[in-house]
C-alpha atoms as a PDB file:
ATOM      1  CA  MET A   1      21.348  29.304  52.336  1.00  0.00           C
ATOM      2  CA  GLN A   2      18.224  27.271  51.609  1.00  0.00           C
ATOM      3  CA  LEU A   3      18.548  23.521  50.948  1.00  0.00           C
ATOM      4  CA  THR A   4      15.915  21.762  48.888  1.00  0.00           C
ATOM      5  CA  ASN A   5      15.412  19.379  46.013  1.00  0.00           C
ATOM      6  CA  PHE A   6      13.130  21.809  44.198  1.00  0.00           C
ATOM      7  CA  PRO A   7      14.470  25.189  42.971  1.00  0.00           C
ATOM      8  CA  GLY A   8      12.344  28.290  42.575  1.00  0.00           C
ATOM      9  CA  SER A   9      10.142  29.381  39.723  1.00  0.00           C
ATOM     10  CA  THR A  10      11.222  29.796  36.107  1.00  0.00           C
ATOM     11  CA  ILE A  11      12.232  33.263  34.889  1.00  0.00           C
ATOM     12  CA  ASP A  12      11.459  34.098  31.262  1.00  0.00           C
ATOM     13  CA  SER A  13      14.497  34.280  28.990  1.00  0.00           C
ATOM     14  CA  GLU A  14      15.647  37.619  27.584  1.00  0.00           C
ATOM     15  CA  PHE A  15      16.017  35.952  24.198  1.00  0.00           C
ATOM     16  CA  GLN A  16      13.641  33.263  22.993  1.00  0.00           C
ATOM     17  CA  LEU A  17      13.253  31.059  19.958  1.00  0.00           C
ATOM     18  CA  PRO A  18       9.799  29.913  18.806  1.00  0.00           C
ATOM     19  CA  LEU A  19       8.555  26.889  20.720  1.00  0.00           C
ATOM     20  CA  SER A  20       7.972  25.050  17.453  1.00  0.00           C
ATOM     21  CA  ARG A  21      11.678  25.161  16.661  1.00  0.00           C
ATOM     22  CA  ILE A  22      12.559  23.577  19.980  1.00  0.00           C
ATOM     23  CA  GLU A  23       9.773  20.981  19.919  1.00  0.00           C
ATOM     24  CA  ASN A  24      10.355  19.908  16.328  1.00  0.00           C
ATOM     25  CA  SER A  25      14.135  19.706  16.489  1.00  0.00           C
ATOM     26  CA  LEU A  26      15.882  16.468  17.351  1.00  0.00           C
ATOM     27  CA  LEU A  27      17.997  17.372  20.357  1.00  0.00           C
ATOM     28  CA  GLU A  28      21.381  15.707  20.170  1.00  0.00           C
ATOM     29  CA  ILE A  29      23.808  16.350  23.028  1.00  0.00           C
ATOM     30  CA  ASN A  30      27.520  15.743  22.668  1.00  0.00           C
ATOM     31  CA  LEU A  31      30.325  16.055  25.187  1.00  0.00           C
ATOM     32  CA  LEU A  32      32.985  18.144  23.460  1.00  0.00           C
ATOM     33  CA  SER A  33      36.511  18.810  24.607  1.00  0.00           C
ATOM     34  CA  ARG A  34      37.572  22.428  24.767  1.00  0.00           C
ATOM     35  CA  ASP A  35      39.599  21.995  21.549  1.00  0.00           C
ATOM     36  CA  ALA A  36      36.614  20.573  19.664  1.00  0.00           C
ATOM     37  CA  ILE A  37      34.344  23.547  20.398  1.00  0.00           C
ATOM     38  CA  ASP A  38      33.727  26.120  17.675  1.00  0.00           C
ATOM     39  CA  LYS A  39      34.859  29.273  19.469  1.00  0.00           C
ATOM     40  CA  LYS A  40      32.940  31.706  17.278  1.00  0.00           C
ATOM     41  CA  ARG A  41      29.662  29.809  17.507  1.00  0.00           C
ATOM     42  CA  TRP A  42      30.143  29.317  21.243  1.00  0.00           C
ATOM     43  CA  ASP A  43      30.732  33.006  21.951  1.00  0.00           C
ATOM     44  CA  ASN A  44      27.885  34.120  19.697  1.00  0.00           C
ATOM     45  CA  HIS A  45      25.611  31.844  21.717  1.00  0.00           C
ATOM     46  CA  ILE A  46      26.886  33.130  25.075  1.00  0.00           C
ATOM     47  CA  ILE A  47      26.468  36.745  23.971  1.00  0.00           C
ATOM     48  CA  ALA A  48      22.871  36.030  22.938  1.00  0.00           C
ATOM     49  CA  TYR A  49      21.778  33.885  25.891  1.00  0.00           C
ATOM     50  CA  GLY A  50      24.347  34.395  28.652  1.00  0.00           C
ATOM     51  CA  LEU A  51      22.323  37.060  30.518  1.00  0.00           C
ATOM     52  CA  GLY A  52      25.078  39.651  30.148  1.00  0.00           C
ATOM     53  CA  MET A  53      27.497  37.558  32.218  1.00  0.00           C
ATOM     54  CA  PRO A  54      31.056  37.034  30.917  1.00  0.00           C
ATOM     55  CA  TYR A  55      31.834  33.820  32.819  1.00  0.00           C
ATOM     56  CA  ALA A  56      31.015  31.384  29.998  1.00  0.00           C
ATOM     57  CA  ARG A  57      32.851  33.289  27.260  1.00  0.00           C
ATOM     58  CA  PHE A  58      35.416  31.022  25.611  1.00  0.00           C
ATOM     59  CA  GLU A  59      38.545  32.980  26.519  1.00  0.00           C
ATOM     60  CA  TYR A  60      37.227  33.788  29.997  1.00  0.00           C
ATOM     61  CA  LEU A  61      36.834  30.065  30.705  1.00  0.00           C
ATOM     62  CA  ASP A  62      40.274  29.421  29.252  1.00  0.00           C
ATOM     63  CA  ILE A  63      41.851  31.842  31.700  1.00  0.00           C
ATOM     64  CA  ALA A  64      39.751  30.853  34.719  1.00  0.00           C
ATOM     65  CA  THR A  65      40.376  27.110  34.251  1.00  0.00           C
ATOM     66  CA  GLY A  66      43.792  27.012  32.612  1.00  0.00           C
ATOM     67  CA  LYS A  67      41.983  25.572  29.559  1.00  0.00           C
ATOM     68  CA  GLN A  68      40.674  22.674  31.663  1.00  0.00           C
ATOM     69  CA  TRP A  69      37.053  22.647  30.594  1.00  0.00           C
ATOM     70  CA  GLU A  70      34.725  20.772  28.322  1.00  0.00           C
ATOM     71  CA  ALA A  71      31.055  21.198  27.526  1.00  0.00           C
ATOM     72  CA  LEU A  72      27.826  19.463  26.699  1.00  0.00           C
ATOM     73  CA  VAL A  73      26.657  20.975  23.416  1.00  0.00           C
ATOM     74  CA  SER A  74      23.406  20.353  21.575  1.00  0.00           C
ATOM     75  CA  ASN A  75      23.089  20.290  17.822  1.00  0.00           C
ATOM     76  CA  ASP A  76      23.415  23.740  16.236  1.00  0.00           C
ATOM     77  CA  TYR A  77      24.782  25.041  19.569  1.00  0.00           C
ATOM     78  CA  GLN A  78      21.197  25.727  20.630  1.00  0.00           C
ATOM     79  CA  TYR A  79      22.085  24.824  24.226  1.00  0.00           C
ATOM     80  CA  VAL A  80      25.476  24.607  25.904  1.00  0.00           C
ATOM     81  CA  TYR A  81      26.585  23.481  29.348  1.00  0.00           C
ATOM     82  CA  PRO A  82      30.192  24.337  30.306  1.00  0.00           C
ATOM     83  CA  LEU A  83      31.939  21.803  32.551  1.00  0.00           C
ATOM     84  CA  PRO A  84      35.154  23.136  34.110  1.00  0.00           C
ATOM     85  CA  PHE A  85      37.253  20.447  35.749  1.00  0.00           C
ATOM     86  CA  GLU A  86      40.432  19.641  37.639  1.00  0.00           C
ATOM     87  CA  TYR A  87      42.268  16.441  38.493  1.00  0.00           C
ATOM     88  CA  LYS A  88      43.229  15.071  41.916  1.00  0.00           C
ATOM     89  CA  LEU A  89      45.105  11.765  42.114  1.00  0.00           C
ATOM     90  CA  GLY A  90      43.904  10.932  38.627  1.00  0.00           C
ATOM     91  CA  LEU A  91      40.208  11.583  39.354  1.00  0.00           C
ATOM     92  CA  LYS A  92      38.254  14.242  37.481  1.00  0.00           C
ATOM     93  CA  PHE A  93      36.398  16.796  39.596  1.00  0.00           C
ATOM     94  CA  TYR A  94      33.904  19.231  38.077  1.00  0.00           C
ATOM     95  CA  ALA A  95      34.325  22.421  40.070  1.00  0.00           C
ATOM     96  CA  GLN A  96      33.416  26.106  39.781  1.00  0.00           C
ATOM     97  CA  PRO A  97      36.391  28.293  38.790  1.00  0.00           C
ATOM     98  CA  MET A  98      37.310  31.506  40.541  1.00  0.00           C
ATOM     99  CA  LEU A  99      35.381  34.636  39.485  1.00  0.00           C
ATOM    100  CA  CYS A 100      32.754  32.518  37.679  1.00  0.00           C
ATOM    101  CA  GLN A 101      29.625  32.982  39.753  1.00  0.00           C
ATOM    102  CA  GLN A 102      27.105  31.376  37.383  1.00  0.00           C
ATOM    103  CA  LEU A 103      27.454  28.849  34.552  1.00  0.00           C
ATOM    104  CA  GLY A 104      24.966  25.980  34.033  1.00  0.00           C
ATOM    105  CA  LEU A 105      22.647  25.395  31.064  1.00  0.00           C
ATOM    106  CA  ILE A 106      22.670  28.345  28.666  1.00  0.00           C
ATOM    107  CA  GLY A 107      20.125  28.715  25.879  1.00  0.00           C
ATOM    108  CA  PRO A 108      16.535  29.692  25.047  1.00  0.00           C
ATOM    109  CA  GLU A 109      13.923  28.503  27.521  1.00  0.00           C
ATOM    110  CA  PRO A 110      16.233  26.315  29.678  1.00  0.00           C
ATOM    111  CA  ASN A 111      13.397  24.532  31.484  1.00  0.00           C
ATOM    112  CA  GLU A 112      13.492  21.726  34.073  1.00  0.00           C
ATOM    113  CA  GLN A 113      13.211  18.927  31.529  1.00  0.00           C
ATOM    114  CA  LEU A 114      16.054  20.257  29.388  1.00  0.00           C
ATOM    115  CA  HIS A 115      18.269  20.793  32.418  1.00  0.00           C
ATOM    116  CA  SER A 116      17.648  17.266  33.649  1.00  0.00           C
ATOM    117  CA  THR A 117      18.383  15.902  30.180  1.00  0.00           C
ATOM    118  CA  PHE A 118      21.758  17.649  30.144  1.00  0.00           C
ATOM    119  CA  LEU A 119      22.617  16.503  33.653  1.00  0.00           C
ATOM    120  CA  ASN A 120      21.941  12.921  32.625  1.00  0.00           C
ATOM    121  CA  GLN A 121      24.587  13.285  29.908  1.00  0.00           C
ATOM    122  CA  ILE A 122      27.390  14.203  32.318  1.00  0.00           C
ATOM    123  CA  PRO A 123      29.968  11.387  32.342  1.00  0.00           C
ATOM    124  CA  SER A 124      29.758   9.093  35.354  1.00  0.00           C
ATOM    125  CA  ASN A 125      33.512   8.717  35.836  1.00  0.00           C
ATOM    126  CA  TYR A 126      34.064  11.820  37.942  1.00  0.00           C
ATOM    127  CA  GLY A 127      34.914  12.151  41.629  1.00  0.00           C
ATOM    128  CA  SER A 128      32.580  14.997  42.504  1.00  0.00           C
ATOM    129  CA  TYR A 129      30.436  17.673  40.905  1.00  0.00           C
ATOM    130  CA  ASN A 130      30.169  21.099  42.493  1.00  0.00           C
ATOM    131  CA  LEU A 131      29.008  23.684  39.977  1.00  0.00           C
ATOM    132  CA  LYS A 132      26.830  26.764  40.178  1.00  0.00           C
ATOM    133  CA  CYS A 133      24.144  27.128  37.537  1.00  0.00           C
ATOM    134  CA  ASN A 134      22.561  30.401  36.436  1.00  0.00           C
ATOM    135  CA  GLU A 135      19.424  32.233  37.497  1.00  0.00           C
ATOM    136  CA  LYS A 136      17.393  30.826  34.579  1.00  0.00           C
ATOM    137  CA  ASN A 137      18.056  27.212  35.548  1.00  0.00           C
ATOM    138  CA  THR A 138      15.434  25.200  37.432  1.00  0.00           C
ATOM    139  CA  LEU A 139      15.264  21.548  38.402  1.00  0.00           C
ATOM    140  CA  GLY A 140      12.736  19.067  39.641  1.00  0.00           C
ATOM    141  CA  SER A 141      13.670  15.817  41.345  1.00  0.00           C
ATOM    142  CA  THR A 142      17.352  14.994  40.879  1.00  0.00           C
ATOM    143  CA  THR A 143      20.151  12.895  42.318  1.00  0.00           C
ATOM    144  CA  PHE A 144      22.136  16.089  42.885  1.00  0.00           C
ATOM    145  CA  LEU A 145      21.989  18.034  46.124  1.00  0.00           C
ATOM    146  CA  ILE A 146      20.726  21.529  45.326  1.00  0.00           C
ATOM    147  CA  GLU A 147      21.735  24.591  47.317  1.00  0.00           C
ATOM    148  CA  HIS A 148      20.008  27.863  46.492  1.00  0.00           C
ATOM    149  CA  ARG A 149      22.567  30.674  46.393  1.00  0.00           C
ATOM    150  CA  THR A 150      21.639  34.287  47.077  1.00  0.00           C
ATOM    151  CA  ASN A 151      22.269  36.954  44.467  1.00  0.00           C
ATOM    152  CA  PHE A 152      20.931  40.499  44.743  1.00  0.00           C
ATOM    153  CA  VAL A 153      20.204  42.546  41.642  1.00  0.00           C
ATOM    154  CA  LEU A 154      18.914  46.068  41.104  1.00  0.00           C
ATOM    155  CA  ASP A 155      16.942  47.101  38.025  1.00  0.00           C
ATOM    156  CA  LEU A 156      18.461  50.290  36.627  1.00  0.00           C
ATOM    157  CA  ASN A 157      15.540  51.214  34.368  1.00  0.00           C
ATOM    158  CA  LEU A 158      14.576  54.212  36.530  1.00  0.00           C
ATOM    159  CA  ASP A 159      16.286  57.566  36.833  1.00  0.00           C
ATOM    160  CA  TYR A 160      18.702  57.973  39.723  1.00  0.00           C
ATOM    161  CA  SER A 161      16.291  60.050  41.792  1.00  0.00           C
ATOM    162  CA  ALA A 162      13.738  57.222  41.727  1.00  0.00           C
ATOM    163  CA  LEU A 163      16.368  54.557  42.369  1.00  0.00           C
ATOM    164  CA  SER A 164      17.847  56.378  45.359  1.00  0.00           C
ATOM    165  CA  GLN A 165      14.413  56.691  46.933  1.00  0.00           C
ATOM    166  CA  LYS A 166      14.539  52.911  47.373  1.00  0.00           C
ATOM    167  CA  PHE A 167      17.782  53.128  49.359  1.00  0.00           C
ATOM    168  CA  SER A 168      17.509  52.629  53.093  1.00  0.00           C
ATOM    169  CA  LYS A 169      17.618  55.729  55.275  1.00  0.00           C
ATOM    170  CA  SER A 170      20.964  54.745  56.801  1.00  0.00           C
ATOM    171  CA  LEU A 171      22.465  54.081  53.360  1.00  0.00           C
ATOM    172  CA  ARG A 172      21.428  57.523  52.085  1.00  0.00           C
ATOM    173  CA  LYS A 173      23.018  59.104  55.131  1.00  0.00           C
ATOM    174  CA  ARG A 174      26.312  57.266  54.615  1.00  0.00           C
ATOM    175  CA  ILE A 175      26.328  58.132  50.915  1.00  0.00           C
ATOM    176  CA  ARG A 176      25.947  61.831  51.756  1.00  0.00           C
ATOM    177  CA  GLN A 177      28.864  61.595  54.177  1.00  0.00           C
ATOM    178  CA  SER A 178      31.102  59.694  51.753  1.00  0.00           C
ATOM    179  CA  THR A 179      30.254  61.918  48.784  1.00  0.00           C
ATOM    180  CA  ALA A 180      31.639  64.898  50.671  1.00  0.00           C
ATOM    181  CA  TYR A 181      34.849  62.975  51.403  1.00  0.00           C
ATOM    182  CA  TYR A 182      35.692  61.093  48.184  1.00  0.00           C
ATOM    183  CA  GLN A 183      36.234  61.550  44.473  1.00  0.00           C
ATOM    184  CA  LEU A 184      35.682  58.754  41.971  1.00  0.00           C
ATOM    185  CA  GLN A 185      38.427  57.953  39.486  1.00  0.00           C
ATOM    186  CA  ILE A 186      39.056  55.206  36.965  1.00  0.00           C
ATOM    187  CA  VAL A 187      42.171  53.096  37.512  1.00  0.00           C
ATOM    188  CA  GLN A 188      43.754  51.365  34.505  1.00  0.00           C
ATOM    189  CA  ASP A 189      46.534  49.501  36.338  1.00  0.00           C
ATOM    190  CA  ILE A 190      45.131  46.017  37.063  1.00  0.00           C
ATOM    191  CA  ASP A 191      48.184  45.035  39.112  1.00  0.00           C
ATOM    192  CA  MET A 192      47.433  47.963  41.418  1.00  0.00           C
ATOM    193  CA  VAL A 193      43.845  46.768  41.825  1.00  0.00           C
ATOM    194  CA  VAL A 194      44.878  43.215  42.680  1.00  0.00           C
ATOM    195  CA  THR A 195      47.688  44.318  45.012  1.00  0.00           C
ATOM    196  CA  PHE A 196      45.311  46.614  46.896  1.00  0.00           C
ATOM    197  CA  TYR A 197      42.871  43.735  47.358  1.00  0.00           C
ATOM    198  CA  GLN A 198      45.644  41.353  48.398  1.00  0.00           C
ATOM    199  CA  ASN A 199      46.982  43.788  50.990  1.00  0.00           C
ATOM    200  CA  GLU A 200      43.547  44.185  52.553  1.00  0.00           C
ATOM    201  CA  MET A 201      42.108  40.673  52.257  1.00  0.00           C
ATOM    202  CA  GLU A 202      44.894  38.076  52.178  1.00  0.00           C
ATOM    203  CA  LYS A 203      45.196  37.634  55.949  1.00  0.00           C
ATOM    204  CA  ARG A 204      41.555  36.606  56.036  1.00  0.00           C
ATOM    205  CA  LEU A 205      41.190  34.756  52.724  1.00  0.00           C
ATOM    206  CA  ARG A 206      44.679  33.217  52.267  1.00  0.00           C
ATOM    207  CA  LEU A 207      44.273  32.819  48.520  1.00  0.00           C
ATOM    208  CA  GLY A 208      47.981  32.657  47.707  1.00  0.00           C
ATOM    209  CA  SER A 209      50.012  34.239  44.920  1.00  0.00           C
ATOM    210  CA  GLU A 210      48.805  31.892  42.150  1.00  0.00           C
ATOM    211  CA  LYS A 211      45.175  32.853  42.748  1.00  0.00           C
ATOM    212  CA  TYR A 212      45.993  36.555  42.590  1.00  0.00           C
ATOM    213  CA  GLU A 213      47.866  36.035  39.337  1.00  0.00           C
ATOM    214  CA  LEU A 214      44.793  34.270  37.960  1.00  0.00           C
ATOM    215  CA  ILE A 215      42.525  37.108  39.098  1.00  0.00           C
ATOM    216  CA  ALA A 216      44.832  39.657  37.447  1.00  0.00           C
ATOM    217  CA  ASN A 217      44.707  37.735  34.164  1.00  0.00           C
ATOM    218  CA  ILE A 218      40.901  37.625  34.225  1.00  0.00           C
ATOM    219  CA  LEU A 219      40.572  41.333  34.973  1.00  0.00           C
ATOM    220  CA  GLN A 220      43.123  42.250  32.319  1.00  0.00           C
ATOM    221  CA  TRP A 221      41.185  40.228  29.748  1.00  0.00           C
ATOM    222  CA  LEU A 222      37.912  41.932  30.690  1.00  0.00           C
ATOM    223  CA  GLN A 223      39.576  45.317  30.488  1.00  0.00           C
ATOM    224  CA  SER A 224      41.131  44.553  27.086  1.00  0.00           C
ATOM    225  CA  LYS A 225      37.724  43.493  25.698  1.00  0.00           C
ATOM    226  CA  LYS A 226      36.006  46.582  27.156  1.00  0.00           C
ATOM    227  CA  LEU A 227      33.956  44.292  29.367  1.00  0.00           C
ATOM    228  CA  GLY A 228      35.097  45.750  32.667  1.00  0.00           C
ATOM    229  CA  ILE A 229      36.513  48.794  34.390  1.00  0.00           C
ATOM    230  CA  CYS A 230      37.956  49.614  37.805  1.00  0.00           C
ATOM    231  CA  TYR A 231      36.741  52.499  39.944  1.00  0.00           C
ATOM    232  CA  ALA A 232      38.570  53.876  42.989  1.00  0.00           C
ATOM    233  CA  ALA A 233      37.562  56.159  45.844  1.00  0.00           C
ATOM    234  CA  PHE A 234      40.254  58.816  46.381  1.00  0.00           C
ATOM    235  CA  ASN A 235      40.212  60.814  49.612  1.00  0.00           C
ATOM    236  CA  LYS A 236      41.054  64.518  49.884  1.00  0.00           C
ATOM    237  CA  ASN A 237      44.754  63.648  50.165  1.00  0.00           C
ATOM    238  CA  ASN A 238      44.523  61.792  46.835  1.00  0.00           C
ATOM    239  CA  GLN A 239      44.924  58.410  48.509  1.00  0.00           C
ATOM    240  CA  ILE A 240      42.911  55.344  47.532  1.00  0.00           C
ATOM    241  CA  GLU A 241      40.666  53.921  50.231  1.00  0.00           C
ATOM    242  CA  ALA A 242      38.571  51.498  48.145  1.00  0.00           C
ATOM    243  CA  MET A 243      38.663  49.921  44.706  1.00  0.00           C
ATOM    244  CA  LEU A 244      36.007  48.069  42.735  1.00  0.00           C
ATOM    245  CA  PHE A 245      36.301  46.289  39.391  1.00  0.00           C
ATOM    246  CA  VAL A 246      32.928  45.925  37.690  1.00  0.00           C
ATOM    247  CA  GLY A 247      32.031  43.807  34.684  1.00  0.00           C
ATOM    248  CA  GLU A 248      30.120  45.690  32.013  1.00  0.00           C
ATOM    249  CA  SER A 249      27.846  44.484  29.221  1.00  0.00           C
ATOM    250  CA  SER A 250      24.808  45.864  27.438  1.00  0.00           C
ATOM    251  CA  LYS A 251      22.509  44.149  29.951  1.00  0.00           C
ATOM    252  CA  ARG A 252      24.376  43.802  33.238  1.00  0.00           C
ATOM    253  CA  ILE A 253      26.834  45.622  35.485  1.00  0.00           C
ATOM    254  CA  ILE A 254      28.565  43.205  37.867  1.00  0.00           C
ATOM    255  CA  ASN A 255      30.148  43.887  41.251  1.00  0.00           C
ATOM    256  CA  LEU A 256      33.032  41.558  40.447  1.00  0.00           C
ATOM    257  CA  PHE A 257      36.078  42.310  42.603  1.00  0.00           C
ATOM    258  CA  GLY A 258      36.637  44.971  45.225  1.00  0.00           C
ATOM    259  CA  ALA A 259      37.871  45.882  48.694  1.00  0.00           C
ATOM    260  CA  SER A 260      38.225  48.774  51.130  1.00  0.00           C
ATOM    261  CA  ASN A 261      41.032  49.518  53.574  1.00  0.00           C
ATOM    262  CA  ASN A 262      40.373  50.382  57.225  1.00  0.00           C
ATOM    263  CA  GLU A 263      39.935  54.080  56.490  1.00  0.00           C
ATOM    264  CA  GLY A 264      37.628  53.261  53.599  1.00  0.00           C
ATOM    265  CA  ARG A 265      35.446  51.067  55.763  1.00  0.00           C
ATOM    266  CA  ASN A 266      35.203  53.780  58.401  1.00  0.00           C
ATOM    267  CA  ASN A 267      34.320  56.417  55.804  1.00  0.00           C
ATOM    268  CA  PHE A 268      31.954  54.250  53.709  1.00  0.00           C
ATOM    269  CA  ALA A 269      34.117  54.279  50.584  1.00  0.00           C
ATOM    270  CA  MET A 270      32.418  51.264  49.006  1.00  0.00           C
ATOM    271  CA  HIS A 271      29.011  52.822  49.622  1.00  0.00           C
ATOM    272  CA  PHE A 272      30.310  55.792  47.641  1.00  0.00           C
ATOM    273  CA  ILE A 273      31.636  53.740  44.705  1.00  0.00           C
ATOM    274  CA  LEU A 274      28.527  51.589  44.364  1.00  0.00           C
ATOM    275  CA  ASN A 275      26.294  54.649  44.479  1.00  0.00           C
ATOM    276  CA  GLU A 276      28.339  56.409  41.795  1.00  0.00           C
ATOM    277  CA  VAL A 277      28.260  53.369  39.516  1.00  0.00           C
ATOM    278  CA  ILE A 278      24.503  52.985  39.976  1.00  0.00           C
ATOM    279  CA  LYS A 279      24.084  56.684  39.227  1.00  0.00           C
ATOM    280  CA  LYS A 280      26.221  56.387  36.081  1.00  0.00           C
ATOM    281  CA  PHE A 281      24.160  53.539  34.625  1.00  0.00           C
ATOM    282  CA  SER A 282      20.742  54.616  35.880  1.00  0.00           C
ATOM    283  CA  ASP A 283      17.767  55.046  33.552  1.00  0.00           C
ATOM    284  CA  ARG A 284      18.920  52.210  31.274  1.00  0.00           C
ATOM    285  CA  ASP A 285      17.502  48.788  30.479  1.00  0.00           C
ATOM    286  CA  MET A 286      20.146  47.054  32.591  1.00  0.00           C
ATOM    287  CA  ILE A 287      20.586  45.494  35.988  1.00  0.00           C
ATOM    288  CA  PHE A 288      23.246  45.992  38.616  1.00  0.00           C
ATOM    289  CA  ASP A 289      24.391  42.578  39.844  1.00  0.00           C
ATOM    290  CA  PHE A 290      25.802  42.641  43.391  1.00  0.00           C
ATOM    291  CA  GLU A 291      27.141  39.058  42.995  1.00  0.00           C
ATOM    292  CA  GLY A 292      25.888  37.711  46.305  1.00  0.00           C
ATOM    293  CA  SER A 293      25.742  37.147  49.119  1.00  0.00           C
ATOM    294  CA  ASP A 294      24.856  34.345  51.564  1.00  0.00           C
ATOM    295  CA  ILE A 295      26.742  36.188  54.330  1.00  0.00           C
ATOM    296  CA  PRO A 296      24.042  37.957  56.420  1.00  0.00           C
ATOM    297  CA  GLY A 297      25.895  41.248  56.875  1.00  0.00           C
ATOM    298  CA  VAL A 298      26.790  41.511  53.195  1.00  0.00           C
ATOM    299  CA  SER A 299      23.255  40.544  52.187  1.00  0.00           C
ATOM    300  CA  SER A 300      21.825  43.318  54.367  1.00  0.00           C
ATOM    301  CA  PHE A 301      24.198  45.820  52.789  1.00  0.00           C
ATOM    302  CA  TYR A 302      23.167  44.871  49.258  1.00  0.00           C
ATOM    303  CA  GLN A 303      19.497  44.863  50.198  1.00  0.00           C
ATOM    304  CA  SER A 304      19.837  48.407  51.520  1.00  0.00           C
ATOM    305  CA  PHE A 305      20.130  49.551  47.871  1.00  0.00           C
ATOM    306  CA  GLY A 306      16.579  48.361  47.200  1.00  0.00           C
ATOM    307  CA  SER A 307      17.787  45.239  45.406  1.00  0.00           C
ATOM    308  CA  THR A 308      15.925  41.950  45.123  1.00  0.00           C
ATOM    309  CA  ASN A 309      17.150  38.381  45.473  1.00  0.00           C
ATOM    310  CA  ARG A 310      17.433  36.478  42.189  1.00  0.00           C
ATOM    311  CA  SER A 311      18.745  33.138  43.407  1.00  0.00           C
ATOM    312  CA  TYR A 312      20.496  30.449  41.405  1.00  0.00           C
ATOM    313  CA  PRO A 313      21.120  26.748  42.118  1.00  0.00           C
ATOM    314  CA  GLN A 314      24.388  25.102  43.038  1.00  0.00           C
ATOM    315  CA  LEU A 315      24.523  21.383  42.229  1.00  0.00           C
ATOM    316  CA  ILE A 316      26.605  19.039  44.371  1.00  0.00           C
ATOM    317  CA  LYS A 317      27.287  15.340  43.988  1.00  0.00           C
ATOM    318  CA  GLU A 318      30.091  13.166  45.328  1.00  0.00           C
ATOM    319  CA  GLN A 319      30.912   9.673  44.110  1.00  0.00           C
ATOM    320  CA  LEU A 320      34.440   9.098  45.355  1.00  0.00           C
ATOM    321  CA  PRO A 321      35.956   5.618  45.379  1.00  0.00           C
ATOM    322  CA  PHE A 322      36.708   4.053  48.761  1.00  0.00           C
ATOM    323  CA  TRP A 323      40.487   4.392  48.411  1.00  0.00           C
ATOM    324  CA  PHE A 324      40.186   8.126  47.758  1.00  0.00           C
ATOM    325  CA  LYS A 325      38.002   8.673  50.820  1.00  0.00           C
ATOM    326  CA  MET A 326      40.491   6.747  52.934  1.00  0.00           C
ATOM    327  CA  LEU A 327      43.411   8.844  51.725  1.00  0.00           C
ATOM    328  CA  ARG A 328      41.489  12.027  52.387  1.00  0.00           C
ATOM    329  CA  SER A 329      40.452  11.034  55.894  1.00  0.00           C
ATOM    330  CA  ILE A 330      43.864   9.658  56.896  1.00  0.00           C
ATOM    331  CA  ASN A 331      46.152  12.252  55.391  1.00  0.00           C
ATOM    332  CA  GLY A 332      43.886  15.252  55.055  1.00  0.00           C
ATOM    333  CA  ILE A 333      45.551  16.029  51.746  1.00  0.00           C
ATOM    334  CA  LEU A 334      42.404  16.820  49.809  1.00  0.00           C
ATOM    335  CA  LYS A 335      39.471  18.976  50.729  1.00  0.00           C
ATOM    336  CA  ARG A 336      35.897  18.263  49.887  1.00  0.00           C
END
């Protein structure tokens, strides 16, 4: 993870409005409660400018936050900035929800000046701010600490033969081995997906039952809106050794939620699933989004597919009152 006060270069938006419209409009920014937001206008905006990511969709945010979110919204919904929050001892904390990798400023040409303008409109009466922006967001000098987060993506606009030539030699070997061992099937039962993940990962992650219920609700919503699907690697005995739920849109396929069991790890089941999904969506004007990672071993795995890093900023700021810091240090009841 790279720490700096100056994020990387600007990436051109997929959708743009004429510069004259932006320059000549009087930008008014209002902080709106979730109930005051026009759901239809909000979702139309996210579909147009959200980079194919579902995280900022109205109902997705509702589920991920328990309806605890508000947003900075410019006139005509030209730019929006979702602000999910939670309360601890009466203090408001802006924090990134689960399964919401990137939020931030969403709109045409979200440049440094616009981003800074929106950040200056965030209310000052919050305990801390820890939110991840999106890959289009850049910032100059700011009072926020900026951490650059790693995210690997693979352009799918080549046929599979050309894409697979970019795979590392060891990856191609493992894919050949796993292809002879597994069959790919679609799984409709979201509870099965979440239970499989919980059985394999809970000892290490310790998320707890409430988090898994939340994850199930998010995946069920994506499935119901035809914005996601789960793939499973079945061995020759028709047993599942890995499962992966991917988000799907017209522009982006997202490696959202998946795990392998011990046998699957030994037999490269996730290599198999990822390869099959990439093959399925190859030769299209889309990207495959690996959703990470800053963990070296995971990063190396994603890079082995010929992917490139498209980083995004995470903004952090703490302004806790003295009494809150004392309670936290003495009792250890709240984490940073």
